Amino acid sequence: MAGTSISWCSSKQASVSLSTAESELIALSEGAKESEWLWYLLREMGFPEENPVQVWCDSKSAISTVKNPGNHKTTKHVQVRYLFTRDLVEEGRLDIHYCPTDDMAADILTKVLPPTQFTKLRELIGVKDLKTTTGGT
């Protein structure tokens, strides 16, 4: 919303994943549920949103699974509830894009990063270093 993130969450998954793509599918599903809740909240407040929610993912495999509803042999075992994201994409309410791992803004909130990566992501989300902007020490 307004070009920035408005909600984030980090938690240990309650299920065991057999692949990174499966973990990303679960995370996408959780994010989709949050976006649906926010979409309905905004609608109730009188802000009808006509555009799909933009979601960024660093797993090409997970994106392919969501965007191509064919039978994927590697995800047959994934519970149907985690494929909720697919329905939202098909309805045009969610739009998923690829984001390279090095540019994933959420990592600043969930991972220990080297100083250069931290600075890059900090600037990406619009947070300023008070020492450099005010001349402080």
C-alpha atoms as a PDB file:
ATOM      1  CA  MET A   1       0.000   0.000   0.000  1.00  0.00           C
ATOM      2  CA  ALA A   2       1.381   3.407  -0.974  1.00  0.00           C
ATOM      3  CA  GLY A   3       4.503   1.702  -2.305  1.00  0.00           C
ATOM      4  CA  THR A   4       5.559   0.053   0.931  1.00  0.00           C
ATOM      5  CA  SER A   5       4.913  -2.925   3.171  1.00  0.00           C
ATOM      6  CA  ILE A   6       2.137  -2.554   5.710  1.00  0.00           C
ATOM      7  CA  SER A   7       2.230  -5.909   7.446  1.00  0.00           C
ATOM      8  CA  TRP A   8       4.814  -8.560   8.185  1.00  0.00           C
ATOM      9  CA  CYS A   9       5.186 -11.619  10.351  1.00  0.00           C
ATOM     10  CA  SER A  10       7.910 -14.078  11.193  1.00  0.00           C
ATOM     11  CA  SER A  11       7.117 -17.374  12.851  1.00  0.00           C
ATOM     12  CA  LYS A  12       8.212 -20.975  12.931  1.00  0.00           C
ATOM     13  CA  GLN A  13       6.131 -23.092  10.571  1.00  0.00           C
ATOM     14  CA  ALA A  14       3.988 -25.663  12.324  1.00  0.00           C
ATOM     15  CA  SER A  15       4.521 -28.261   9.594  1.00  0.00           C
ATOM     16  CA  VAL A  16       7.487 -30.058   8.106  1.00  0.00           C
ATOM     17  CA  SER A  17       8.307 -29.089   4.526  1.00  0.00           C
ATOM     18  CA  LEU A  18      10.067 -31.402   2.129  1.00  0.00           C
ATOM     19  CA  SER A  19      11.461 -28.566   0.006  1.00  0.00           C
ATOM     20  CA  THR A  20      12.131 -24.845  -0.015  1.00  0.00           C
ATOM     21  CA  ALA A  21       9.367 -24.405  -2.593  1.00  0.00           C
ATOM     22  CA  GLU A  22       6.897 -26.072  -0.244  1.00  0.00           C
ATOM     23  CA  SER A  23       7.956 -23.740   2.580  1.00  0.00           C
ATOM     24  CA  GLU A  24       7.440 -20.777   0.253  1.00  0.00           C
ATOM     25  CA  LEU A  25       3.969 -22.072  -0.719  1.00  0.00           C
ATOM     26  CA  ILE A  26       3.015 -22.191   2.950  1.00  0.00           C
ATOM     27  CA  ALA A  27       4.389 -18.673   3.498  1.00  0.00           C
ATOM     28  CA  LEU A  28       2.553 -17.382   0.407  1.00  0.00           C
ATOM     29  CA  SER A  29      -0.678 -18.882   1.714  1.00  0.00           C
ATOM     30  CA  GLU A  30      -0.241 -17.211   5.095  1.00  0.00           C
ATOM     31  CA  GLY A  31       0.505 -13.903   3.374  1.00  0.00           C
ATOM     32  CA  ALA A  32      -2.532 -14.325   1.131  1.00  0.00           C
ATOM     33  CA  LYS A  33      -4.771 -14.820   4.167  1.00  0.00           C
ATOM     34  CA  GLU A  34      -3.370 -11.626   5.711  1.00  0.00           C
ATOM     35  CA  SER A  35      -3.899  -9.690   2.470  1.00  0.00           C
ATOM     36  CA  GLU A  36      -7.505 -10.889   2.277  1.00  0.00           C
ATOM     37  CA  TRP A  37      -8.153  -9.702   5.823  1.00  0.00           C
ATOM     38  CA  LEU A  38      -6.610  -6.281   5.059  1.00  0.00           C
ATOM     39  CA  TRP A  39      -8.567  -6.065   1.797  1.00  0.00           C
ATOM     40  CA  TYR A  40     -11.868  -6.616   3.634  1.00  0.00           C
ATOM     41  CA  LEU A  41     -10.867  -4.194   6.405  1.00  0.00           C
ATOM     42  CA  LEU A  42     -10.141  -1.435   3.875  1.00  0.00           C
ATOM     43  CA  ARG A  43     -13.429  -2.142   2.122  1.00  0.00           C
ATOM     44  CA  GLU A  44     -15.316  -1.820   5.406  1.00  0.00           C
ATOM     45  CA  MET A  45     -13.568   1.520   6.000  1.00  0.00           C
ATOM     46  CA  GLY A  46     -14.752   2.802   2.623  1.00  0.00           C
ATOM     47  CA  PHE A  47     -11.584   2.268   0.600  1.00  0.00           C
ATOM     48  CA  PRO A  48     -12.546  -0.227  -2.100  1.00  0.00           C
ATOM     49  CA  GLU A  49      -9.365  -1.592  -3.652  1.00  0.00           C
ATOM     50  CA  GLU A  50      -9.690  -2.395  -7.328  1.00  0.00           C
ATOM     51  CA  ASN A  51      -6.083  -3.467  -7.949  1.00  0.00           C
ATOM     52  CA  PRO A  52      -4.700  -6.874  -6.977  1.00  0.00           C
ATOM     53  CA  VAL A  53      -2.426  -7.107  -3.946  1.00  0.00           C
ATOM     54  CA  GLN A  54       1.229  -7.255  -5.039  1.00  0.00           C
ATOM     55  CA  VAL A  55       3.250 -10.070  -3.435  1.00  0.00           C
ATOM     56  CA  TRP A  56       6.978 -10.647  -3.897  1.00  0.00           C
ATOM     57  CA  CYS A  57       8.535 -14.117  -3.631  1.00  0.00           C
ATOM     58  CA  ASP A  58      12.114 -15.323  -4.110  1.00  0.00           C
ATOM     59  CA  SER A  59      11.149 -18.868  -5.135  1.00  0.00           C
ATOM     60  CA  LYS A  60      10.544 -19.341  -8.859  1.00  0.00           C
ATOM     61  CA  SER A  61       9.332 -22.866  -8.137  1.00  0.00           C
ATOM     62  CA  ALA A  62       6.651 -21.684  -5.697  1.00  0.00           C
ATOM     63  CA  ILE A  63       5.537 -18.966  -8.125  1.00  0.00           C
ATOM     64  CA  SER A  64       5.279 -21.533 -10.923  1.00  0.00           C
ATOM     65  CA  THR A  65       3.192 -23.840  -8.734  1.00  0.00           C
ATOM     66  CA  VAL A  66       0.772 -21.023  -7.909  1.00  0.00           C
ATOM     67  CA  LYS A  67       0.503 -19.555 -11.410  1.00  0.00           C
ATOM     68  CA  ASN A  68       0.283 -22.867 -13.288  1.00  0.00           C
ATOM     69  CA  PRO A  69      -2.572 -24.890 -11.816  1.00  0.00           C
ATOM     70  CA  GLY A  70      -1.564 -28.073 -13.616  1.00  0.00           C
ATOM     71  CA  ASN A  71      -0.709 -31.163 -11.619  1.00  0.00           C
ATOM     72  CA  HIS A  72       2.761 -30.663 -10.165  1.00  0.00           C
ATOM     73  CA  LYS A  73       4.187 -34.021  -9.144  1.00  0.00           C
ATOM     74  CA  THR A  74       6.491 -32.409  -6.570  1.00  0.00           C
ATOM     75  CA  THR A  75       3.612 -30.746  -4.715  1.00  0.00           C
ATOM     76  CA  LYS A  76       0.893 -33.407  -4.861  1.00  0.00           C
ATOM     77  CA  HIS A  77       1.261 -33.997  -1.142  1.00  0.00           C
ATOM     78  CA  VAL A  78       0.823 -30.315  -0.203  1.00  0.00           C
ATOM     79  CA  GLN A  79      -2.375 -29.744   1.728  1.00  0.00           C
ATOM     80  CA  VAL A  80      -5.114 -28.000  -0.230  1.00  0.00           C
ATOM     81  CA  ARG A  81      -5.281 -25.131   2.262  1.00  0.00           C
ATOM     82  CA  TYR A  82      -1.799 -24.052   1.207  1.00  0.00           C
ATOM     83  CA  LEU A  83      -2.973 -23.706  -2.397  1.00  0.00           C
ATOM     84  CA  PHE A  84      -5.462 -20.975  -1.396  1.00  0.00           C
ATOM     85  CA  THR A  85      -3.053 -18.520  -3.025  1.00  0.00           C
ATOM     86  CA  ARG A  86      -3.747 -20.087  -6.416  1.00  0.00           C
ATOM     87  CA  ASP A  87      -7.450 -19.226  -6.129  1.00  0.00           C
ATOM     88  CA  LEU A  88      -6.701 -15.578  -5.354  1.00  0.00           C
ATOM     89  CA  VAL A  89      -4.335 -15.312  -8.334  1.00  0.00           C
ATOM     90  CA  GLU A  90      -6.958 -16.848 -10.644  1.00  0.00           C
ATOM     91  CA  GLU A  91      -9.580 -14.393  -9.326  1.00  0.00           C
ATOM     92  CA  GLY A  92      -7.237 -11.456 -10.001  1.00  0.00           C
ATOM     93  CA  ARG A  93      -7.065 -10.439  -6.343  1.00  0.00           C
ATOM     94  CA  LEU A  94      -3.397 -11.336  -5.870  1.00  0.00           C
ATOM     95  CA  ASP A  95      -0.444 -10.758  -8.191  1.00  0.00           C
ATOM     96  CA  ILE A  96       2.801 -12.616  -7.432  1.00  0.00           C
ATOM     97  CA  HIS A  97       6.155 -11.378  -8.706  1.00  0.00           C
ATOM     98  CA  TYR A  98       9.678 -12.768  -8.511  1.00  0.00           C
ATOM     99  CA  CYS A  99      12.167 -10.880  -6.367  1.00  0.00           C
ATOM    100  CA  PRO A 100      15.826 -11.972  -6.238  1.00  0.00           C
ATOM    101  CA  THR A 101      16.850 -13.080  -2.752  1.00  0.00           C
ATOM    102  CA  ASP A 102      19.386 -10.247  -2.426  1.00  0.00           C
ATOM    103  CA  ASP A 103      16.614  -7.681  -2.978  1.00  0.00           C
ATOM    104  CA  MET A 104      14.033  -9.199  -0.598  1.00  0.00           C
ATOM    105  CA  ALA A 105      13.175  -6.289   1.704  1.00  0.00           C
ATOM    106  CA  ALA A 106      11.609  -8.568   4.346  1.00  0.00           C
ATOM    107  CA  ASP A 107      15.039 -10.071   5.064  1.00  0.00           C
ATOM    108  CA  ILE A 108      16.018  -6.983   7.054  1.00  0.00           C
ATOM    109  CA  LEU A 109      13.389  -7.993   9.625  1.00  0.00           C
ATOM    110  CA  THR A 110      14.033 -11.730   9.672  1.00  0.00           C
ATOM    111  CA  LYS A 111      17.735 -12.421   9.078  1.00  0.00           C
ATOM    112  CA  VAL A 112      21.174 -11.498  10.330  1.00  0.00           C
ATOM    113  CA  LEU A 113      22.734  -9.591   7.432  1.00  0.00           C
ATOM    114  CA  PRO A 114      26.235  -8.368   6.606  1.00  0.00           C
ATOM    115  CA  PRO A 115      26.554  -4.562   6.923  1.00  0.00           C
ATOM    116  CA  THR A 116      26.461  -3.882   3.167  1.00  0.00           C
ATOM    117  CA  GLN A 117      23.277  -5.924   2.657  1.00  0.00           C
ATOM    118  CA  PHE A 118      21.692  -4.350   5.752  1.00  0.00           C
ATOM    119  CA  THR A 119      22.425  -0.851   4.421  1.00  0.00           C
ATOM    120  CA  LYS A 120      21.062  -1.748   0.972  1.00  0.00           C
ATOM    121  CA  LEU A 121      17.800  -3.129   2.357  1.00  0.00           C
ATOM    122  CA  ARG A 122      17.463  -0.299   4.887  1.00  0.00           C
ATOM    123  CA  GLU A 123      17.624   2.198   2.026  1.00  0.00           C
ATOM    124  CA  LEU A 124      15.205   0.069  -0.017  1.00  0.00           C
ATOM    125  CA  ILE A 125      12.508   0.352   2.660  1.00  0.00           C
ATOM    126  CA  GLY A 126      13.174   4.071   3.128  1.00  0.00           C
ATOM    127  CA  VAL A 127      14.751   4.068   6.591  1.00  0.00           C
ATOM    128  CA  LYS A 128      17.421   6.736   7.052  1.00  0.00           C
ATOM    129  CA  ASP A 129      20.571   6.565   9.184  1.00  0.00           C
ATOM    130  CA  LEU A 130      20.277   9.485  11.632  1.00  0.00           C
ATOM    131  CA  LYS A 131      24.058   9.764  11.933  1.00  0.00           C
ATOM    132  CA  THR A 132      24.488  10.482   8.233  1.00  0.00           C
ATOM    133  CA  THR A 133      21.340  12.582   7.725  1.00  0.00           C
ATOM    134  CA  THR A 134      21.757  14.888  10.730  1.00  0.00           C
ATOM    135  CA  GLY A 135      25.533  14.936  11.036  1.00  0.00           C
ATOM    136  CA  GLY A 136      25.312  13.307  14.488  1.00  0.00           C
ATOM    137  CA  THR A 137      27.936  11.059  16.038  1.00  0.00           C
END
